[in-house]
Amino acid sequence: MQGAVQDLASDVVSALRGGDHVRMSGTGAAMDDVEGSLALAAVRVLGADVLLPHVLFPTPPAPEALAVFRKTAEAYPPRPDAAPTVTWSHRAMRRTLLRLGEPAPGDDGPEPDAAWLDAASWQVLAHQLAVLAPLAVPGEDDAVTRAARRRPVDLARGFVRAVRRRDWQQAAGAGRWLTVVDGVPDTLGLEAGLDFVELMGGGDPRVALQVQAARVLRAAGTTV
């Protein structure tokens, strides 16, 4: 499972660096076995970021990649008692399909709140937003994004803490949010910080994915 996730993350990183299609290693297996496929499970882990290059660049996803992404959203709907991060991650997948002009399974329904983020300590905030890094995309105005906008200083503190703890995945996810929100302290040195996170944790494709996403968003001057 871990290998499948890393392979898929590597495909996304490659597409982000080259502005090309996401190849999605293992697509054929996913189409043959919807429920049990490792490839499908890997798509679920990465969530909306699987098609991020096609959100950030004007390239339509390959039909087979789109089909696997949609099948994952259909196969793994959040349970009624799912954690907020699971519910929001699934919602992000649906929103990605709609952004690309594709039908999305199910119905968004009322937007879940993000009150738990407003009430969270800065340490918990950084952790939760890092998990929800796929929501840090241009043009969104959902409750999670608004919560991130309200607490840039706390998010910056969480980024520094994650770096000091050598939690490169959390640092990369928090860094991606810091790239797209206003009010980040200049003293943070975010660009150098992202370089350091990539140097130390970039051997993990999931870290590289978040750092590269942050760079693309930063280059575009995108804020949410």
Protein backbone atom coordinates (compact mmCIF):
# COMPACT_ATOMS: atom_id res chain seq x y z
CA MET A 1 0.00 0.00 0.00
CA GLN A 2 2.72 2.46 0.97
CA GLY A 3 4.56 1.71 -2.25
CA ALA A 4 1.44 2.33 -4.32
CA VAL A 5 0.90 5.70 -2.61
CA GLN A 6 4.51 6.73 -3.17
CA ASP A 7 4.43 5.67 -6.81
CA LEU A 8 1.29 7.70 -7.41
CA ALA A 9 2.68 10.70 -5.53
CA SER A 10 5.79 10.51 -7.72
CA ASP A 11 3.58 10.59 -10.81
CA VAL A 12 1.84 13.72 -9.51
CA VAL A 13 5.17 15.42 -8.70
CA SER A 14 6.42 14.68 -12.20
CA ALA A 15 3.28 16.19 -13.70
CA LEU A 16 3.54 19.28 -11.48
CA ARG A 17 7.13 19.83 -12.56
CA GLY A 18 6.42 19.32 -16.25
CA GLY A 19 2.86 20.57 -16.58
CA ASP A 20 1.96 17.21 -18.09
CA HIS A 21 -0.64 14.49 -17.53
CA VAL A 22 -0.61 12.42 -14.36
CA ARG A 23 0.35 8.92 -15.51
CA MET A 24 -1.18 7.16 -12.48
CA SER A 25 0.89 4.01 -12.11
CA GLY A 26 -1.28 0.93 -11.72
CA THR A 27 -4.31 2.37 -13.50
CA GLY A 28 -5.08 -0.87 -15.30
CA ALA A 29 -5.27 -2.81 -12.04
CA ALA A 30 -7.57 -0.20 -10.57
CA MET A 31 -9.98 -0.54 -13.46
CA ASP A 32 -10.04 -4.34 -13.10
CA ASP A 33 -10.74 -4.44 -9.36
CA VAL A 34 -12.52 -1.36 -8.05
CA GLU A 35 -12.89 -2.32 -4.39
CA GLY A 36 -9.63 -4.14 -3.74
CA SER A 37 -7.12 -2.36 -5.93
CA LEU A 38 -4.05 -0.88 -4.30
CA ALA A 39 -4.07 1.80 -6.95
CA LEU A 40 -7.58 2.84 -5.99
CA ALA A 41 -6.66 2.89 -2.32
CA ALA A 42 -3.63 5.04 -3.17
CA VAL A 43 -5.90 7.53 -4.94
CA ARG A 44 -8.02 7.67 -1.82
CA VAL A 45 -4.97 8.48 0.32
CA LEU A 46 -3.79 11.33 -1.93
CA GLY A 47 -7.33 12.51 -2.59
CA ALA A 48 -7.86 15.61 -4.70
CA ASP A 49 -4.11 16.09 -5.17
CA VAL A 50 -4.11 13.24 -7.68
CA LEU A 51 -5.54 15.61 -10.28
CA LEU A 52 -3.91 18.78 -8.94
CA PRO A 53 -1.72 19.30 -12.04
CA HIS A 54 -4.89 19.48 -14.13
CA VAL A 55 -6.35 22.08 -11.79
CA LEU A 56 -3.21 24.26 -11.85
CA PHE A 57 -2.32 23.80 -15.52
CA PRO A 58 -4.65 23.90 -18.56
CA THR A 59 -4.28 20.21 -19.36
CA PRO A 60 -7.24 17.81 -19.33
CA PRO A 61 -6.63 14.58 -17.43
CA ALA A 62 -6.24 11.36 -19.37
CA PRO A 63 -9.59 9.52 -19.56
CA GLU A 64 -8.29 6.49 -17.67
CA ALA A 65 -6.90 8.68 -14.85
CA LEU A 66 -10.19 10.54 -14.60
CA ALA A 67 -12.11 7.26 -14.52
CA VAL A 68 -10.02 5.88 -11.64
CA PHE A 69 -10.34 9.14 -9.70
CA ARG A 70 -14.12 9.12 -10.11
CA LYS A 71 -14.38 5.44 -9.18
CA THR A 72 -12.43 6.14 -6.00
CA ALA A 73 -14.81 8.92 -5.01
CA GLU A 74 -17.72 6.56 -5.66
CA ALA A 75 -16.18 3.61 -3.82
CA TYR A 76 -15.14 5.45 -0.66
CA PRO A 77 -17.86 7.89 0.44
CA PRO A 78 -17.41 9.16 4.00
CA ARG A 79 -19.48 7.42 6.66
CA PRO A 80 -21.94 9.51 8.71
CA ASP A 81 -19.56 9.29 11.68
CA ALA A 82 -16.43 10.08 9.65
CA ALA A 83 -13.87 12.50 11.04
CA PRO A 84 -14.11 16.06 9.68
CA THR A 85 -10.86 15.65 7.74
CA VAL A 86 -12.28 12.59 5.94
CA THR A 87 -15.49 14.43 5.06
CA TRP A 88 -13.60 17.45 3.78
CA SER A 89 -11.12 15.32 1.83
CA HIS A 90 -13.97 13.59 0.01
CA ARG A 91 -15.62 16.93 -0.64
CA ALA A 92 -12.35 18.15 -2.17
CA MET A 93 -12.38 15.21 -4.60
CA ARG A 94 -15.92 16.06 -5.67
CA ARG A 95 -15.00 19.72 -6.10
CA THR A 96 -12.04 18.73 -8.26
CA LEU A 97 -14.30 16.77 -10.61
CA LEU A 98 -16.68 19.72 -10.86
CA ARG A 99 -13.78 22.11 -11.52
CA LEU A 100 -12.76 19.93 -14.44
CA GLY A 101 -16.29 20.00 -15.83
CA GLU A 102 -17.00 16.40 -14.85
CA PRO A 103 -19.98 14.90 -13.03
CA ALA A 104 -19.30 14.10 -9.39
CA PRO A 105 -20.82 11.23 -7.41
CA GLY A 106 -23.33 11.99 -4.69
CA ASP A 107 -24.29 15.42 -3.48
CA ASP A 108 -22.24 17.95 -1.57
CA GLY A 109 -25.18 18.91 0.59
CA PRO A 110 -24.69 21.73 3.09
CA GLU A 111 -21.06 22.69 3.56
CA PRO A 112 -19.63 21.14 6.74
CA ASP A 113 -18.42 23.70 9.23
CA ALA A 114 -14.83 24.09 10.29
CA ALA A 115 -15.47 25.33 13.81
CA TRP A 116 -13.05 22.75 15.18
CA LEU A 117 -10.23 24.59 13.41
CA ASP A 118 -11.13 27.93 14.97
CA ALA A 119 -11.16 26.31 18.40
CA ALA A 120 -7.97 24.30 17.88
CA SER A 121 -4.60 25.17 19.36
CA TRP A 122 -2.02 26.36 16.87
CA GLN A 123 -0.31 22.96 17.04
CA VAL A 124 -3.52 21.10 16.19
CA LEU A 125 -4.42 23.68 13.54
CA ALA A 126 -1.16 23.10 11.66
CA HIS A 127 -1.59 19.33 11.83
CA GLN A 128 -5.19 19.40 10.62
CA LEU A 129 -4.52 21.84 7.79
CA ALA A 130 -1.53 19.78 6.66
CA VAL A 131 -3.88 16.78 6.37
CA LEU A 132 -6.25 18.99 4.36
CA ALA A 133 -3.54 20.48 2.12
CA PRO A 134 -5.41 19.33 -1.06
CA LEU A 135 -7.96 22.07 -0.25
CA ALA A 136 -5.29 24.76 -0.73
CA VAL A 137 -6.12 25.52 -4.36
CA PRO A 138 -6.98 28.72 -6.24
CA GLY A 139 -10.48 30.09 -6.19
CA GLU A 140 -11.86 28.22 -3.18
CA ASP A 141 -13.83 29.97 -0.44
CA ASP A 142 -14.88 27.15 1.83
CA ALA A 143 -14.93 26.99 5.62
CA VAL A 144 -11.50 25.33 5.89
CA THR A 145 -9.90 27.93 3.64
CA ARG A 146 -11.50 30.75 5.61
CA ALA A 147 -10.18 29.23 8.84
CA ALA A 148 -6.67 29.13 7.36
CA ARG A 149 -6.96 32.76 6.30
CA ARG A 150 -7.90 33.81 9.82
CA ARG A 151 -4.83 32.22 11.45
CA PRO A 152 -1.72 32.75 9.30
CA VAL A 153 0.51 33.45 12.30
CA ASP A 154 -0.59 30.28 14.09
CA LEU A 155 -0.07 28.34 10.87
CA ALA A 156 3.44 29.81 10.57
CA ARG A 157 4.20 28.72 14.14
CA GLY A 158 3.01 25.23 13.24
CA PHE A 159 5.27 25.17 10.19
CA VAL A 160 8.31 26.06 12.29
CA ARG A 161 7.39 23.47 14.91
CA ALA A 162 7.00 20.75 12.26
CA VAL A 163 10.44 21.61 10.82
CA ARG A 164 12.03 21.46 14.26
CA ARG A 165 10.37 18.10 14.89
CA ARG A 166 11.52 16.88 11.47
CA ASP A 167 7.92 16.14 10.51
CA TRP A 168 8.53 16.93 6.87
CA GLN A 169 5.12 15.91 5.62
CA GLN A 170 3.33 18.20 8.05
CA ALA A 171 5.80 21.00 7.35
CA ALA A 172 5.24 20.65 3.60
CA GLY A 173 1.46 20.67 3.94
CA ALA A 174 1.49 23.68 6.25
CA GLY A 175 3.94 25.40 3.90
CA ARG A 176 1.53 24.92 1.01
CA TRP A 177 -1.20 26.72 2.95
CA LEU A 178 1.21 29.50 3.90
CA THR A 179 1.92 30.01 0.22
CA VAL A 180 -1.70 30.83 -0.56
CA VAL A 181 -2.90 32.83 2.47
CA ASP A 182 -2.20 36.47 3.25
CA GLY A 183 -0.68 37.80 6.44
CA VAL A 184 2.24 35.38 6.72
CA PRO A 185 5.07 37.02 8.73
CA ASP A 186 7.96 38.08 6.50
CA THR A 187 10.34 36.87 9.19
CA LEU A 188 9.26 33.28 8.56
CA GLY A 189 11.43 33.00 5.43
CA LEU A 190 8.93 30.65 3.80
CA GLU A 191 10.79 30.18 0.52
CA ALA A 192 14.00 29.15 2.26
CA GLY A 193 11.94 27.03 4.63
CA LEU A 194 10.35 25.12 1.76
CA ASP A 195 13.78 24.58 0.22
CA PHE A 196 14.96 23.09 3.50
CA VAL A 197 11.90 20.85 3.81
CA GLU A 198 12.48 19.59 0.28
CA LEU A 199 16.17 18.96 0.98
CA MET A 200 15.51 17.03 4.17
CA GLY A 201 12.27 15.26 3.30
CA GLY A 202 12.07 15.35 -0.48
CA GLY A 203 12.99 11.69 -0.73
CA ASP A 204 9.39 11.06 0.33
CA PRO A 205 7.23 11.71 -2.76
CA ARG A 206 4.35 12.93 -0.59
CA VAL A 207 6.59 15.65 0.84
CA ALA A 208 7.85 16.52 -2.63
CA LEU A 209 4.26 16.76 -3.87
CA GLN A 210 3.32 19.39 -1.29
CA VAL A 211 6.52 21.39 -1.77
CA GLN A 212 6.13 21.39 -5.55
CA ALA A 213 2.47 22.37 -5.25
CA ALA A 214 3.51 25.25 -3.01
CA ARG A 215 6.09 26.37 -5.55
CA VAL A 216 3.62 26.32 -8.44
CA LEU A 217 1.09 28.29 -6.40
CA ARG A 218 3.76 30.74 -5.26
CA ALA A 219 5.00 31.29 -8.81
CA ALA A 220 1.45 32.01 -9.92
CA GLY A 221 1.04 34.53 -7.11
CA THR A 222 -2.10 32.69 -6.04
CA THR A 223 -3.94 33.44 -2.83
CA VAL A 224 -7.18 31.91 -1.65
